Amino acid sequence: MVESNVAMTRVDFRLVHGQVAARWTRTLGATKIIVIDDATAKDKFMVDLFSMTAPAGSKIICYTIDTALEKWQKNKFGKGTIIVIFKDIDSAKRAYDLGIRFASLNIGQVPKTENRKPAFNTVCLSDTELDTLITLSDSGVEVYFWPTPDDKKEVLNNVVKKMRG
């Protein structure tokens, strides 16, 4: 059995951007960023764009959830220090349920929509998304909110209290 080298699993609607590409990659010493998002992985332009914008000393790979599951089962995404990024909470939960197991999940950015209310910093959640995070937490996943390395890390229980009283 291959040990996973995943340094962080994150939900970030923006996928790979300045905070991830520069800040988190450097902070964690990541050599590989794996984007798991069906639409992005099927968009050749976005895949090429991410590949070209990879920070020095690292690479960005985009997978569909199904392909990511195959790679995970084969060798836990291979060698290197890895950041895994999902575009949304539902995709992270689906991947987890299929067998891509992660010990923790950093919620970095989820945009405000009609159904979402402010949860923490750059994160807005719907009731359903909050329930999904609670379910992941109940399954043993450490769910936390930490947009950038300079921010204060917040635990799920505090966000639940804020949102539900």
C-alpha atoms as a PDB file:
ATOM      1  CA  MET A   1       0.000   0.000   0.000  1.00  0.00           C
ATOM      2  CA  VAL A   2       1.376   3.395  -1.027  1.00  0.00           C
ATOM      3  CA  GLU A   3       1.290   6.144   1.613  1.00  0.00           C
ATOM      4  CA  SER A   4      -0.425   9.333   0.560  1.00  0.00           C
ATOM      5  CA  ASN A   5       1.696  12.465   0.279  1.00  0.00           C
ATOM      6  CA  VAL A   6      -1.297  14.816   0.369  1.00  0.00           C
ATOM      7  CA  ALA A   7      -0.323  17.855   2.447  1.00  0.00           C
ATOM      8  CA  MET A   8      -3.707  19.556   2.086  1.00  0.00           C
ATOM      9  CA  THR A   9      -7.112  18.832   0.618  1.00  0.00           C
ATOM     10  CA  ARG A  10      -9.028  22.024  -0.078  1.00  0.00           C
ATOM     11  CA  VAL A  11     -12.313  23.321  -1.440  1.00  0.00           C
ATOM     12  CA  ASP A  12     -11.796  26.517  -3.403  1.00  0.00           C
ATOM     13  CA  PHE A  13     -14.227  27.691  -6.067  1.00  0.00           C
ATOM     14  CA  ARG A  14     -11.374  29.510  -7.821  1.00  0.00           C
ATOM     15  CA  LEU A  15      -9.317  26.299  -7.941  1.00  0.00           C
ATOM     16  CA  VAL A  16      -5.705  27.406  -8.559  1.00  0.00           C
ATOM     17  CA  HIS A  17      -5.121  31.119  -8.012  1.00  0.00           C
ATOM     18  CA  GLY A  18      -2.587  33.310  -6.215  1.00  0.00           C
ATOM     19  CA  GLN A  19      -3.271  32.046  -2.691  1.00  0.00           C
ATOM     20  CA  VAL A  20      -2.926  28.416  -3.697  1.00  0.00           C
ATOM     21  CA  ALA A  21      -0.346  28.763  -6.457  1.00  0.00           C
ATOM     22  CA  ALA A  22       2.012  30.971  -4.495  1.00  0.00           C
ATOM     23  CA  ARG A  23       1.189  30.973  -0.809  1.00  0.00           C
ATOM     24  CA  TRP A  24       0.014  27.446   0.003  1.00  0.00           C
ATOM     25  CA  THR A  25       2.397  25.768  -2.431  1.00  0.00           C
ATOM     26  CA  ARG A  26       5.362  27.500  -0.830  1.00  0.00           C
ATOM     27  CA  THR A  27       4.099  27.063   2.756  1.00  0.00           C
ATOM     28  CA  LEU A  28       3.493  23.340   2.291  1.00  0.00           C
ATOM     29  CA  GLY A  29       6.426  22.664  -0.032  1.00  0.00           C
ATOM     30  CA  ALA A  30       4.011  21.228  -2.590  1.00  0.00           C
ATOM     31  CA  THR A  31       5.396  19.838  -5.823  1.00  0.00           C
ATOM     32  CA  LYS A  32       2.048  18.846  -7.282  1.00  0.00           C
ATOM     33  CA  ILE A  33      -1.399  20.445  -7.304  1.00  0.00           C
ATOM     34  CA  ILE A  34      -4.205  18.106  -8.278  1.00  0.00           C
ATOM     35  CA  VAL A  35      -7.445  19.749  -9.349  1.00  0.00           C
ATOM     36  CA  ILE A  36     -10.388  17.354  -9.142  1.00  0.00           C
ATOM     37  CA  ASP A  37     -13.264  18.851 -11.077  1.00  0.00           C
ATOM     38  CA  ASP A  38     -15.158  17.195 -13.914  1.00  0.00           C
ATOM     39  CA  ALA A  39     -15.841  20.360 -15.955  1.00  0.00           C
ATOM     40  CA  THR A  40     -12.313  21.739 -15.599  1.00  0.00           C
ATOM     41  CA  ALA A  41     -10.657  18.422 -16.480  1.00  0.00           C
ATOM     42  CA  LYS A  42     -12.732  18.273 -19.685  1.00  0.00           C
ATOM     43  CA  ASP A  43     -11.833  21.856 -20.684  1.00  0.00           C
ATOM     44  CA  LYS A  44      -8.572  21.674 -22.657  1.00  0.00           C
ATOM     45  CA  PHE A  45      -8.051  25.433 -22.467  1.00  0.00           C
ATOM     46  CA  MET A  46      -8.299  25.469 -18.655  1.00  0.00           C
ATOM     47  CA  VAL A  47      -6.069  22.396 -18.312  1.00  0.00           C
ATOM     48  CA  ASP A  48      -3.436  24.049 -20.533  1.00  0.00           C
ATOM     49  CA  LEU A  49      -3.783  27.355 -18.672  1.00  0.00           C
ATOM     50  CA  PHE A  50      -3.298  25.714 -15.279  1.00  0.00           C
ATOM     51  CA  SER A  51      -0.327  23.714 -16.585  1.00  0.00           C
ATOM     52  CA  MET A  52       1.364  26.887 -17.840  1.00  0.00           C
ATOM     53  CA  THR A  53       0.774  28.801 -14.608  1.00  0.00           C
ATOM     54  CA  ALA A  54       2.162  26.177 -12.239  1.00  0.00           C
ATOM     55  CA  PRO A  55       4.513  27.663  -9.653  1.00  0.00           C
ATOM     56  CA  ALA A  56       8.225  26.982 -10.163  1.00  0.00           C
ATOM     57  CA  GLY A  57       9.131  23.497  -8.993  1.00  0.00           C
ATOM     58  CA  SER A  58       5.573  22.190  -9.129  1.00  0.00           C
ATOM     59  CA  LYS A  59       3.024  20.972 -11.630  1.00  0.00           C
ATOM     60  CA  ILE A  60      -0.747  21.179 -11.884  1.00  0.00           C
ATOM     61  CA  ILE A  61      -2.782  18.170 -12.992  1.00  0.00           C
ATOM     62  CA  CYS A  62      -6.539  18.206 -13.622  1.00  0.00           C
ATOM     63  CA  TYR A  63      -8.643  15.069 -13.194  1.00  0.00           C
ATOM     64  CA  THR A  64     -12.291  14.188 -13.366  1.00  0.00           C
ATOM     65  CA  ILE A  65     -13.531  12.557 -10.184  1.00  0.00           C
ATOM     66  CA  ASP A  66     -13.530   9.147 -11.893  1.00  0.00           C
ATOM     67  CA  THR A  67      -9.956   9.540 -13.162  1.00  0.00           C
ATOM     68  CA  ALA A  68      -8.849  10.843  -9.764  1.00  0.00           C
ATOM     69  CA  LEU A  69     -10.333   7.738  -8.146  1.00  0.00           C
ATOM     70  CA  GLU A  70      -8.336   5.505 -10.521  1.00  0.00           C
ATOM     71  CA  LYS A  71      -5.109   7.415  -9.791  1.00  0.00           C
ATOM     72  CA  TRP A  72      -5.821   7.335  -6.042  1.00  0.00           C
ATOM     73  CA  GLN A  73      -6.419   3.585  -6.064  1.00  0.00           C
ATOM     74  CA  LYS A  74      -3.299   3.024  -8.155  1.00  0.00           C
ATOM     75  CA  ASN A  75      -0.742   5.020  -6.141  1.00  0.00           C
ATOM     76  CA  LYS A  76      -2.395   7.735  -3.982  1.00  0.00           C
ATOM     77  CA  PHE A  77      -1.544  10.333  -6.684  1.00  0.00           C
ATOM     78  CA  GLY A  78       2.105   9.324  -6.847  1.00  0.00           C
ATOM     79  CA  LYS A  79       5.242  10.919  -5.491  1.00  0.00           C
ATOM     80  CA  GLY A  80       5.717  14.431  -4.250  1.00  0.00           C
ATOM     81  CA  THR A  81       4.015  16.697  -1.766  1.00  0.00           C
ATOM     82  CA  ILE A  82       0.480  17.219  -3.019  1.00  0.00           C
ATOM     83  CA  ILE A  83      -2.312  19.751  -2.661  1.00  0.00           C
ATOM     84  CA  VAL A  84      -5.696  18.419  -3.779  1.00  0.00           C
ATOM     85  CA  ILE A  85      -8.327  21.003  -4.728  1.00  0.00           C
ATOM     86  CA  PHE A  86     -12.045  20.569  -5.318  1.00  0.00           C
ATOM     87  CA  LYS A  87     -14.204  23.340  -6.766  1.00  0.00           C
ATOM     88  CA  ASP A  88     -17.088  22.641  -4.428  1.00  0.00           C
ATOM     89  CA  ILE A  89     -18.099  20.768  -1.299  1.00  0.00           C
ATOM     90  CA  ASP A  90     -20.356  18.320  -3.147  1.00  0.00           C
ATOM     91  CA  SER A  91     -17.464  17.144  -5.337  1.00  0.00           C
ATOM     92  CA  ALA A  92     -15.250  16.636  -2.288  1.00  0.00           C
ATOM     93  CA  LYS A  93     -17.974  14.591  -0.597  1.00  0.00           C
ATOM     94  CA  ARG A  94     -18.618  12.549  -3.741  1.00  0.00           C
ATOM     95  CA  ALA A  95     -14.900  11.781  -4.107  1.00  0.00           C
ATOM     96  CA  TYR A  96     -14.683  10.824  -0.429  1.00  0.00           C
ATOM     97  CA  ASP A  97     -17.682   8.525  -0.723  1.00  0.00           C
ATOM     98  CA  LEU A  98     -16.161   6.860  -3.800  1.00  0.00           C
ATOM     99  CA  GLY A  99     -12.936   6.120  -1.919  1.00  0.00           C
ATOM    100  CA  ILE A 100     -10.600   9.114  -2.222  1.00  0.00           C
ATOM    101  CA  ARG A 101     -10.065   9.347   1.509  1.00  0.00           C
ATOM    102  CA  PHE A 102      -8.659  12.476   3.069  1.00  0.00           C
ATOM    103  CA  ALA A 103      -8.000  13.099   6.741  1.00  0.00           C
ATOM    104  CA  SER A 104      -8.804  16.785   6.594  1.00  0.00           C
ATOM    105  CA  LEU A 105     -10.584  19.298   4.374  1.00  0.00           C
ATOM    106  CA  ASN A 106      -9.692  22.992   4.236  1.00  0.00           C
ATOM    107  CA  ILE A 107     -12.609  25.145   3.119  1.00  0.00           C
ATOM    108  CA  GLY A 108     -10.874  28.086   1.468  1.00  0.00           C
ATOM    109  CA  GLN A 109     -13.401  29.885  -0.707  1.00  0.00           C
ATOM    110  CA  VAL A 110     -17.057  29.310  -1.511  1.00  0.00           C
ATOM    111  CA  PRO A 111     -18.806  32.286  -3.142  1.00  0.00           C
ATOM    112  CA  LYS A 112     -22.001  33.937  -1.966  1.00  0.00           C
ATOM    113  CA  THR A 113     -25.126  32.935  -3.855  1.00  0.00           C
ATOM    114  CA  GLU A 114     -28.837  33.286  -3.218  1.00  0.00           C
ATOM    115  CA  ASN A 115     -28.886  30.060  -1.146  1.00  0.00           C
ATOM    116  CA  ARG A 116     -25.658  30.694   0.770  1.00  0.00           C
ATOM    117  CA  LYS A 117     -25.021  32.852   3.793  1.00  0.00           C
ATOM    118  CA  PRO A 118     -21.697  34.039   5.241  1.00  0.00           C
ATOM    119  CA  ALA A 119     -19.937  31.354   7.252  1.00  0.00           C
ATOM    120  CA  PHE A 120     -16.325  32.472   7.647  1.00  0.00           C
ATOM    121  CA  ASN A 121     -14.128  34.980   5.839  1.00  0.00           C
ATOM    122  CA  THR A 122     -14.385  34.079   2.095  1.00  0.00           C
ATOM    123  CA  VAL A 123     -16.776  31.166   2.674  1.00  0.00           C
ATOM    124  CA  CYS A 124     -20.546  31.244   2.287  1.00  0.00           C
ATOM    125  CA  LEU A 125     -22.515  28.044   2.824  1.00  0.00           C
ATOM    126  CA  SER A 126     -25.987  26.734   2.196  1.00  0.00           C
ATOM    127  CA  ASP A 127     -27.674  24.649   4.877  1.00  0.00           C
ATOM    128  CA  THR A 128     -27.130  21.575   2.697  1.00  0.00           C
ATOM    129  CA  GLU A 129     -23.406  22.297   2.322  1.00  0.00           C
ATOM    130  CA  LEU A 130     -23.077  22.806   6.068  1.00  0.00           C
ATOM    131  CA  ASP A 131     -24.836  19.472   6.618  1.00  0.00           C
ATOM    132  CA  THR A 132     -22.414  17.835   4.159  1.00  0.00           C
ATOM    133  CA  LEU A 133     -19.430  19.214   6.080  1.00  0.00           C
ATOM    134  CA  ILE A 134     -20.926  17.955   9.346  1.00  0.00           C
ATOM    135  CA  THR A 135     -21.363  14.509   7.767  1.00  0.00           C
ATOM    136  CA  LEU A 136     -17.713  14.503   6.640  1.00  0.00           C
ATOM    137  CA  SER A 137     -16.663  15.562  10.127  1.00  0.00           C
ATOM    138  CA  ASP A 138     -18.767  12.790  11.666  1.00  0.00           C
ATOM    139  CA  SER A 139     -16.916  10.375   9.331  1.00  0.00           C
ATOM    140  CA  GLY A 140     -13.603  11.401  10.889  1.00  0.00           C
ATOM    141  CA  VAL A 141     -12.530  14.172   8.505  1.00  0.00           C
ATOM    142  CA  GLU A 142     -11.118  17.280  10.195  1.00  0.00           C
ATOM    143  CA  VAL A 143     -13.071  20.088   8.506  1.00  0.00           C
ATOM    144  CA  TYR A 144     -11.600  23.555   8.968  1.00  0.00           C
ATOM    145  CA  PHE A 145     -11.597  27.000   7.379  1.00  0.00           C
ATOM    146  CA  TRP A 146      -8.236  28.577   6.524  1.00  0.00           C
ATOM    147  CA  PRO A 147      -8.160  30.824   3.445  1.00  0.00           C
ATOM    148  CA  THR A 148      -4.455  31.749   3.567  1.00  0.00           C
ATOM    149  CA  PRO A 149      -1.497  30.723   5.728  1.00  0.00           C
ATOM    150  CA  ASP A 150      -1.620  34.180   7.359  1.00  0.00           C
ATOM    151  CA  ASP A 151      -5.262  33.844   8.415  1.00  0.00           C
ATOM    152  CA  LYS A 152      -6.501  32.318  11.628  1.00  0.00           C
ATOM    153  CA  LYS A 153      -7.613  28.708  11.218  1.00  0.00           C
ATOM    154  CA  GLU A 154     -11.238  28.150  12.261  1.00  0.00           C
ATOM    155  CA  VAL A 155     -12.826  24.822  13.227  1.00  0.00           C
ATOM    156  CA  LEU A 156     -16.143  23.551  11.910  1.00  0.00           C
ATOM    157  CA  ASN A 157     -17.890  23.612  15.300  1.00  0.00           C
ATOM    158  CA  ASN A 158     -17.419  27.376  15.571  1.00  0.00           C
ATOM    159  CA  VAL A 159     -18.837  27.911  12.093  1.00  0.00           C
ATOM    160  CA  VAL A 160     -21.826  25.685  12.911  1.00  0.00           C
ATOM    161  CA  LYS A 161     -22.475  27.733  16.071  1.00  0.00           C
ATOM    162  CA  LYS A 162     -22.245  30.963  14.074  1.00  0.00           C
ATOM    163  CA  MET A 163     -24.610  29.766  11.365  1.00  0.00           C
ATOM    164  CA  ARG A 164     -27.112  27.843  13.478  1.00  0.00           C
ATOM    165  CA  GLY A 165     -26.789  29.417  16.881  1.00  0.00           C
END
